[in-house]
Each structure stands twice: as C-alpha cells, then as structure tokens.
Amino acid sequence: MKNYRKELWFNTTSRREYINITPQVEACLQESGIKEGFVLCNAMHITASVFINDDESGLHHDFEVWLEKLAPEKPYSQYRHNGFEDNADAHLKRSVMGREVVVAVTGGKLDFGPWEQIFYGEFDGKRRKRLLVKIIGE
C-alpha cells in the first residue's frame, strides 16, 4: 500500500470564495502514481470547507445566498463567539458545508459521478489558507 500527502495553499481575495480544486487534486493523483484507492481532501482551517458539487456559477451564487440566510455575517454582535474575531458566521457555514471529502480512485482517475467536482469553500478569507490532500492505495 502506497500513500501520498500534499498541502495545497490558497490566497483568497475576498471573505468568501468557492475554488474548484479538481485540477490540483488530479495532479496530486498523477504525482502519487496510485491507480486504485482513495483520495481524502480536507480543509486545515475551521472556517473553510471542502465539498463536492457542480461547477456552475448560478449554483455558487445560490450557496452564497442560502448560507448568508442561515448564518449572516453581520451584525457581528449577534454572535457570542465574536469579540477578538468577527468570524462566527464562517464557523457555522463550514459546519453546514463540511470539512472534507473522500473520492474513490479507479484506474488512476477520480471516480466521479456526472458533473461532480471538488471545491474549497472559504468563509473567512483574505489570508493564506491550506488544504490537505492524502491519497492511499496501490
């Protein structure tokens, strides 16, 4: 059994962003040489998410609107967590969108259903953040 580990780093330009990381994960898979196994991708920050969905701008807009209704960023005073930081909403958004994904590897490729792509969701950006890619298999 082989294993592979790599950190991907992101510098987001806004507080919230959705980044399609599928090409970077596919490059990691090729680097690993693993043909059968699993890929784990997880956010290494408590205010970021990794999830699988369609790469469609209207859907990304819908995520933004829906998440903002669930956990609005402002007023900051509505959250007990906010004090030193103003990111309570980002913690809640991450809880809804998830921490990580696991994707099967078959024949050296990510074994996706139709339209599936891997995304890094940032909810408290404008600073350097990282994601872990761990691949295990043969």
N, C-alpha and C. Protein backbone atom coordinates (compact mmCIF):
# COMPACT_ATOMS: atom_id res chain seq x y z
N MET A 1 0.84 -1.18 0.00
CA MET A 1 0.00 0.00 0.00
C MET A 1 0.89 1.25 0.00
N LYS A 2 0.58 2.16 -0.91
CA LYS A 2 1.32 3.43 -1.00
C LYS A 2 0.48 4.54 -0.37
N ASN A 3 1.18 5.60 0.03
CA ASN A 3 0.46 6.78 0.49
C ASN A 3 1.17 8.02 -0.01
N TYR A 4 0.42 9.10 -0.10
CA TYR A 4 0.90 10.36 -0.65
C TYR A 4 0.25 11.47 0.17
N ARG A 5 1.00 12.53 0.44
CA ARG A 5 0.48 13.68 1.18
C ARG A 5 0.99 14.96 0.56
N LYS A 6 0.10 15.92 0.39
CA LYS A 6 0.50 17.23 -0.12
C LYS A 6 -0.44 18.28 0.43
N GLU A 7 0.10 19.45 0.73
CA GLU A 7 -0.71 20.59 1.14
C GLU A 7 -0.86 21.54 -0.03
N LEU A 8 -2.08 21.97 -0.28
CA LEU A 8 -2.37 23.00 -1.27
C LEU A 8 -2.66 24.29 -0.53
N TRP A 9 -2.08 25.38 -0.97
CA TRP A 9 -2.24 26.67 -0.30
C TRP A 9 -3.05 27.61 -1.18
N PHE A 10 -3.85 28.44 -0.51
CA PHE A 10 -4.72 29.40 -1.20
C PHE A 10 -4.57 30.78 -0.58
N ASN A 11 -4.56 31.79 -1.43
CA ASN A 11 -4.63 33.18 -1.01
C ASN A 11 -5.90 33.76 -1.60
N THR A 12 -6.94 33.84 -0.80
CA THR A 12 -8.21 34.34 -1.33
C THR A 12 -8.22 35.86 -1.26
N THR A 13 -8.96 36.46 -2.18
CA THR A 13 -9.01 37.92 -2.27
C THR A 13 -10.28 38.49 -1.65
N SER A 14 -11.21 37.62 -1.28
CA SER A 14 -12.43 38.10 -0.63
C SER A 14 -12.73 37.21 0.57
N ARG A 15 -13.66 37.64 1.38
CA ARG A 15 -14.00 36.89 2.59
C ARG A 15 -14.53 35.51 2.26
N ARG A 16 -15.37 35.40 1.21
CA ARG A 16 -15.94 34.11 0.83
C ARG A 16 -15.65 33.83 -0.64
N GLU A 17 -15.16 32.62 -0.90
CA GLU A 17 -14.88 32.18 -2.27
C GLU A 17 -15.10 30.69 -2.38
N TYR A 18 -15.41 30.26 -3.60
CA TYR A 18 -15.50 28.85 -3.93
C TYR A 18 -14.50 28.58 -5.03
N ILE A 19 -13.53 27.72 -4.76
CA ILE A 19 -12.44 27.45 -5.69
C ILE A 19 -12.53 26.00 -6.14
N ASN A 20 -12.63 25.78 -7.44
CA ASN A 20 -12.61 24.42 -7.98
C ASN A 20 -11.18 23.90 -7.91
N ILE A 21 -10.97 22.91 -7.05
CA ILE A 21 -9.62 22.36 -6.85
C ILE A 21 -9.44 21.01 -7.55
N THR A 22 -10.42 20.62 -8.36
CA THR A 22 -10.33 19.33 -9.04
C THR A 22 -9.03 19.18 -9.84
N PRO A 23 -8.63 20.18 -10.64
CA PRO A 23 -7.37 20.01 -11.40
C PRO A 23 -6.15 19.79 -10.50
N GLN A 24 -6.08 20.49 -9.36
CA GLN A 24 -4.95 20.31 -8.46
C GLN A 24 -4.97 18.92 -7.83
N VAL A 25 -6.16 18.43 -7.47
CA VAL A 25 -6.27 17.10 -6.88
C VAL A 25 -5.92 16.03 -7.91
N GLU A 26 -6.36 16.22 -9.16
CA GLU A 26 -5.99 15.28 -10.22
C GLU A 26 -4.47 15.27 -10.43
N ALA A 27 -3.84 16.43 -10.35
CA ALA A 27 -2.37 16.49 -10.48
C ALA A 27 -1.70 15.74 -9.33
N CYS A 28 -2.23 15.88 -8.13
CA CYS A 28 -1.71 15.12 -6.98
C CYS A 28 -1.84 13.62 -7.22
N LEU A 29 -2.97 13.21 -7.74
CA LEU A 29 -3.19 11.79 -8.01
C LEU A 29 -2.18 11.27 -9.02
N GLN A 30 -1.92 12.04 -10.07
CA GLN A 30 -0.92 11.63 -11.06
C GLN A 30 0.46 11.54 -10.44
N GLU A 31 0.80 12.55 -9.60
CA GLU A 31 2.09 12.55 -8.90
C GLU A 31 2.26 11.32 -8.01
N SER A 32 1.16 10.90 -7.39
CA SER A 32 1.22 9.80 -6.43
C SER A 32 1.49 8.45 -7.09
N GLY A 33 1.08 8.30 -8.34
CA GLY A 33 1.22 7.03 -9.02
C GLY A 33 0.22 5.97 -8.58
N ILE A 34 -0.70 6.34 -7.72
CA ILE A 34 -1.69 5.39 -7.20
C ILE A 34 -2.81 5.22 -8.22
N LYS A 35 -3.16 3.96 -8.49
CA LYS A 35 -4.18 3.65 -9.50
C LYS A 35 -5.51 3.21 -8.90
N GLU A 36 -5.47 2.62 -7.71
CA GLU A 36 -6.67 2.15 -7.02
C GLU A 36 -6.58 2.54 -5.56
N GLY A 37 -7.60 3.23 -5.06
CA GLY A 37 -7.56 3.63 -3.66
C GLY A 37 -8.53 4.75 -3.37
N PHE A 38 -8.09 5.66 -2.51
CA PHE A 38 -8.95 6.76 -2.07
C PHE A 38 -8.15 8.05 -1.95
N VAL A 39 -8.82 9.16 -2.24
CA VAL A 39 -8.27 10.50 -2.03
C VAL A 39 -9.10 11.16 -0.94
N LEU A 40 -8.40 11.68 0.05
CA LEU A 40 -9.03 12.49 1.09
C LEU A 40 -8.58 13.92 0.89
N CYS A 41 -9.52 14.86 0.86
CA CYS A 41 -9.20 16.28 0.81
C CYS A 41 -9.88 16.93 2.00
N ASN A 42 -9.11 17.57 2.88
CA ASN A 42 -9.75 18.25 3.98
C ASN A 42 -9.15 19.62 4.25
N ALA A 43 -10.04 20.52 4.61
CA ALA A 43 -9.63 21.88 4.95
C ALA A 43 -8.86 21.85 6.26
N MET A 44 -7.78 22.59 6.32
CA MET A 44 -6.95 22.64 7.51
C MET A 44 -7.26 23.88 8.35
N HIS A 45 -8.42 24.48 8.12
CA HIS A 45 -8.85 25.67 8.85
C HIS A 45 -10.31 25.51 9.22
N ILE A 46 -10.67 25.93 10.40
CA ILE A 46 -12.00 25.72 10.95
C ILE A 46 -13.07 26.61 10.31
N THR A 47 -12.65 27.54 9.46
CA THR A 47 -13.60 28.42 8.78
C THR A 47 -13.59 28.19 7.27
N ALA A 48 -13.14 27.02 6.85
CA ALA A 48 -13.11 26.66 5.43
C ALA A 48 -13.71 25.27 5.27
N SER A 49 -14.09 24.96 4.04
CA SER A 49 -14.80 23.72 3.76
C SER A 49 -14.25 23.07 2.49
N VAL A 50 -14.47 21.77 2.38
CA VAL A 50 -14.23 21.06 1.13
C VAL A 50 -15.52 20.28 0.84
N PHE A 51 -16.01 20.41 -0.38
CA PHE A 51 -17.26 19.74 -0.73
C PHE A 51 -17.25 19.38 -2.21
N ILE A 52 -18.17 18.50 -2.59
CA ILE A 52 -18.32 18.09 -3.99
C ILE A 52 -19.66 18.58 -4.50
N ASN A 53 -19.63 19.22 -5.66
CA ASN A 53 -20.87 19.63 -6.31
C ASN A 53 -20.56 20.03 -7.74
N ASP A 54 -21.52 20.64 -8.40
CA ASP A 54 -21.44 21.07 -9.78
C ASP A 54 -20.68 22.40 -9.87
N ASP A 55 -19.88 22.57 -10.90
CA ASP A 55 -19.16 23.83 -11.14
C ASP A 55 -20.03 24.73 -12.01
N GLU A 56 -21.00 25.34 -11.39
CA GLU A 56 -21.97 26.18 -12.11
C GLU A 56 -22.15 27.46 -11.31
N SER A 57 -21.92 28.60 -11.95
CA SER A 57 -21.89 29.89 -11.23
C SER A 57 -23.22 30.21 -10.56
N GLY A 58 -24.33 29.84 -11.18
CA GLY A 58 -25.63 30.09 -10.55
C GLY A 58 -25.77 29.32 -9.25
N LEU A 59 -25.28 28.09 -9.23
CA LEU A 59 -25.32 27.29 -8.01
C LEU A 59 -24.44 27.90 -6.93
N HIS A 60 -23.27 28.40 -7.31
CA HIS A 60 -22.38 29.02 -6.33
C HIS A 60 -23.03 30.26 -5.74
N HIS A 61 -23.71 31.02 -6.56
CA HIS A 61 -24.47 32.17 -6.07
C HIS A 61 -25.55 31.71 -5.09
N ASP A 62 -26.25 30.63 -5.43
CA ASP A 62 -27.29 30.10 -4.55
C ASP A 62 -26.72 29.65 -3.22
N PHE A 63 -25.53 29.03 -3.22
CA PHE A 63 -24.86 28.67 -1.97
C PHE A 63 -24.67 29.92 -1.12
N GLU A 64 -24.14 30.95 -1.75
CA GLU A 64 -23.83 32.18 -1.04
C GLU A 64 -25.09 32.79 -0.41
N VAL A 65 -26.16 32.87 -1.16
CA VAL A 65 -27.41 33.45 -0.67
C VAL A 65 -27.98 32.59 0.46
N TRP A 66 -28.00 31.27 0.26
CA TRP A 66 -28.56 30.35 1.24
C TRP A 66 -27.76 30.37 2.54
N LEU A 67 -26.43 30.30 2.43
CA LEU A 67 -25.59 30.31 3.63
C LEU A 67 -25.70 31.63 4.38
N GLU A 68 -25.83 32.72 3.64
CA GLU A 68 -25.94 34.04 4.29
C GLU A 68 -27.28 34.16 5.03
N LYS A 69 -28.31 33.48 4.53
CA LYS A 69 -29.59 33.45 5.26
C LYS A 69 -29.46 32.62 6.53
N LEU A 70 -28.74 31.49 6.45
CA LEU A 70 -28.57 30.62 7.61
C LEU A 70 -27.71 31.26 8.69
N ALA A 71 -26.62 31.90 8.27
CA ALA A 71 -25.65 32.48 9.21
C ALA A 71 -25.13 33.79 8.64
N PRO A 72 -25.92 34.85 8.78
CA PRO A 72 -25.49 36.14 8.21
C PRO A 72 -24.21 36.66 8.85
N GLU A 73 -23.34 37.23 8.04
CA GLU A 73 -22.08 37.76 8.55
C GLU A 73 -22.32 38.87 9.57
N LYS A 74 -23.25 39.78 9.25
CA LYS A 74 -23.50 40.95 10.10
C LYS A 74 -24.94 40.96 10.56
N PRO A 75 -25.25 41.58 11.68
CA PRO A 75 -24.32 42.29 12.56
C PRO A 75 -23.45 41.32 13.36
N TYR A 76 -22.20 41.71 13.51
CA TYR A 76 -21.26 40.86 14.23
C TYR A 76 -21.71 40.61 15.67
N SER A 77 -22.44 41.56 16.23
CA SER A 77 -22.86 41.47 17.63
C SER A 77 -23.87 40.35 17.89
N GLN A 78 -24.43 39.76 16.85
CA GLN A 78 -25.42 38.69 17.06
C GLN A 78 -24.79 37.39 17.55
N TYR A 79 -23.46 37.29 17.49
CA TYR A 79 -22.78 36.04 17.85
C TYR A 79 -21.95 36.22 19.11
N ARG A 80 -22.07 35.27 20.01
CA ARG A 80 -21.28 35.31 21.24
C ARG A 80 -19.81 35.02 20.97
N HIS A 81 -19.52 34.28 19.91
CA HIS A 81 -18.12 33.96 19.56
C HIS A 81 -17.34 35.23 19.20
N ASN A 82 -18.01 36.16 18.53
CA ASN A 82 -17.33 37.37 18.06
C ASN A 82 -16.92 38.24 19.24
N GLY A 83 -15.71 38.68 19.17
CA GLY A 83 -15.12 39.52 20.19
C GLY A 83 -13.77 39.93 19.65
N PHE A 84 -12.80 39.04 19.84
CA PHE A 84 -11.47 39.25 19.25
C PHE A 84 -11.55 39.10 17.73
N GLU A 85 -12.39 38.16 17.26
CA GLU A 85 -12.58 37.93 15.83
C GLU A 85 -14.02 38.23 15.45
N ASP A 86 -14.26 38.35 14.14
CA ASP A 86 -15.62 38.61 13.64
C ASP A 86 -16.05 37.51 12.67
N ASN A 87 -15.70 36.25 13.00
CA ASN A 87 -15.91 35.18 12.03
C ASN A 87 -16.83 34.05 12.51
N ALA A 88 -17.69 34.32 13.44
CA ALA A 88 -18.61 33.27 13.92
C ALA A 88 -19.42 32.70 12.77
N ASP A 89 -19.87 33.56 11.87
CA ASP A 89 -20.66 33.08 10.72
C ASP A 89 -19.86 32.10 9.88
N ALA A 90 -18.56 32.31 9.75
CA ALA A 90 -17.72 31.41 8.95
C ALA A 90 -17.63 30.03 9.58
N HIS A 91 -17.58 29.96 10.90
CA HIS A 91 -17.58 28.67 11.60
C HIS A 91 -18.88 27.92 11.33
N LEU A 92 -19.99 28.62 11.38
CA LEU A 92 -21.29 27.99 11.15
C LEU A 92 -21.43 27.54 9.70
N LYS A 93 -20.99 28.36 8.75
CA LYS A 93 -21.07 28.00 7.33
C LYS A 93 -20.24 26.75 7.05
N ARG A 94 -19.07 26.68 7.65
CA ARG A 94 -18.22 25.50 7.48
C ARG A 94 -18.91 24.25 8.02
N SER A 95 -19.60 24.39 9.14
CA SER A 95 -20.30 23.24 9.72
C SER A 95 -21.35 22.68 8.77
N VAL A 96 -22.00 23.56 8.04
CA VAL A 96 -23.04 23.14 7.08
C VAL A 96 -22.42 22.52 5.83
N MET A 97 -21.35 23.11 5.33
CA MET A 97 -20.76 22.68 4.05
C MET A 97 -19.79 21.51 4.20
N GLY A 98 -19.31 21.25 5.39
CA GLY A 98 -18.47 20.07 5.62
C GLY A 98 -16.98 20.35 5.63
N ARG A 99 -16.27 19.45 6.26
CA ARG A 99 -14.82 19.58 6.45
C ARG A 99 -14.02 18.93 5.34
N GLU A 100 -14.49 17.76 4.85
CA GLU A 100 -13.67 17.00 3.91
C GLU A 100 -14.52 16.19 2.96
N VAL A 101 -13.82 15.67 1.94
CA VAL A 101 -14.43 14.72 1.01
C VAL A 101 -13.47 13.56 0.82
N VAL A 102 -14.05 12.41 0.50
CA VAL A 102 -13.28 11.23 0.12
C VAL A 102 -13.79 10.81 -1.24
N VAL A 103 -12.87 10.59 -2.18
CA VAL A 103 -13.22 10.19 -3.54
C VAL A 103 -12.48 8.90 -3.87
N ALA A 104 -13.19 7.95 -4.43
CA ALA A 104 -12.56 6.70 -4.86
C ALA A 104 -11.64 6.98 -6.06
N VAL A 105 -10.58 6.20 -6.14
CA VAL A 105 -9.67 6.23 -7.29
C VAL A 105 -9.80 4.89 -7.99
N THR A 106 -10.12 4.94 -9.27
CA THR A 106 -10.27 3.73 -10.08
C THR A 106 -9.52 3.95 -11.40
N GLY A 107 -8.62 3.04 -11.71
CA GLY A 107 -7.86 3.17 -12.95
C GLY A 107 -7.05 4.45 -13.02
N GLY A 108 -6.59 4.95 -11.89
CA GLY A 108 -5.76 6.15 -11.86
C GLY A 108 -6.52 7.44 -12.01
N LYS A 109 -7.86 7.39 -11.93
CA LYS A 109 -8.68 8.59 -12.08
C LYS A 109 -9.65 8.73 -10.91
N LEU A 110 -10.05 9.98 -10.64
CA LEU A 110 -11.08 10.23 -9.64
C LEU A 110 -12.38 9.63 -10.14
N ASP A 111 -13.01 8.81 -9.34
CA ASP A 111 -14.21 8.07 -9.74
C ASP A 111 -15.46 8.88 -9.39
N PHE A 112 -15.74 9.89 -10.22
CA PHE A 112 -16.83 10.83 -10.03
C PHE A 112 -18.10 10.40 -10.73
N GLY A 113 -19.23 10.88 -10.23
CA GLY A 113 -20.48 10.82 -10.96
C GLY A 113 -20.53 12.02 -11.90
N PRO A 114 -21.59 12.08 -12.72
CA PRO A 114 -21.71 13.20 -13.67
C PRO A 114 -21.68 14.55 -12.95
N TRP A 115 -20.91 15.48 -13.49
CA TRP A 115 -20.83 16.88 -13.06
C TRP A 115 -20.09 17.09 -11.75
N GLU A 116 -19.67 16.03 -11.06
CA GLU A 116 -19.03 16.22 -9.76
C GLU A 116 -17.64 16.84 -9.90
N GLN A 117 -17.38 17.82 -9.04
CA GLN A 117 -16.10 18.50 -8.94
C GLN A 117 -15.83 18.74 -7.46
N ILE A 118 -14.56 18.91 -7.10
CA ILE A 118 -14.18 19.18 -5.71
C ILE A 118 -13.94 20.67 -5.54
N PHE A 119 -14.50 21.23 -4.47
CA PHE A 119 -14.37 22.66 -4.20
C PHE A 119 -13.79 22.91 -2.82
N TYR A 120 -12.98 23.96 -2.75
CA TYR A 120 -12.54 24.54 -1.49
C TYR A 120 -13.45 25.73 -1.26
N GLY A 121 -14.16 25.74 -0.15
CA GLY A 121 -15.03 26.86 0.20
C GLY A 121 -14.40 27.66 1.32
N GLU A 122 -14.16 28.92 1.06
CA GLU A 122 -13.55 29.81 2.05
C GLU A 122 -14.62 30.75 2.59
N PHE A 123 -14.73 30.83 3.91
CA PHE A 123 -15.76 31.66 4.53
C PHE A 123 -15.18 32.77 5.42
N ASP A 124 -13.85 32.82 5.56
CA ASP A 124 -13.19 33.87 6.33
C ASP A 124 -11.83 34.14 5.71
N GLY A 125 -11.86 34.60 4.48
CA GLY A 125 -10.65 34.69 3.67
C GLY A 125 -9.85 35.96 3.82
N LYS A 126 -9.17 36.29 2.74
CA LYS A 126 -8.23 37.41 2.64
C LYS A 126 -6.94 37.13 3.41
N ARG A 127 -6.62 35.84 3.52
CA ARG A 127 -5.36 35.44 4.13
C ARG A 127 -5.00 34.05 3.63
N ARG A 128 -3.77 33.65 3.88
CA ARG A 128 -3.27 32.37 3.37
C ARG A 128 -3.89 31.21 4.14
N LYS A 129 -4.43 30.22 3.39
CA LYS A 129 -5.06 29.04 4.00
C LYS A 129 -4.57 27.79 3.26
N ARG A 130 -4.77 26.63 3.90
CA ARG A 130 -4.28 25.40 3.28
C ARG A 130 -5.30 24.27 3.35
N LEU A 131 -5.05 23.30 2.48
CA LEU A 131 -5.89 22.12 2.38
C LEU A 131 -4.97 20.91 2.28
N LEU A 132 -5.36 19.80 2.89
CA LEU A 132 -4.57 18.57 2.85
C LEU A 132 -5.15 17.62 1.81
N VAL A 133 -4.27 17.09 0.98
CA VAL A 133 -4.63 16.01 0.05
C VAL A 133 -3.85 14.78 0.52
N LYS A 134 -4.58 13.72 0.86
CA LYS A 134 -3.97 12.46 1.29
C LYS A 134 -4.52 11.37 0.39
N ILE A 135 -3.62 10.61 -0.24
CA ILE A 135 -4.03 9.54 -1.16
C ILE A 135 -3.44 8.24 -0.66
N ILE A 136 -4.29 7.23 -0.56
CA ILE A 136 -3.88 5.90 -0.09
C ILE A 136 -4.36 4.86 -1.08
N GLY A 137 -3.49 3.94 -1.44
CA GLY A 137 -3.89 2.88 -2.36
C GLY A 137 -2.68 2.19 -2.97
N GLU A 138 -2.94 1.57 -4.11
CA GLU A 138 -1.88 0.84 -4.81
C GLU A 138 -1.80 1.27 -6.26
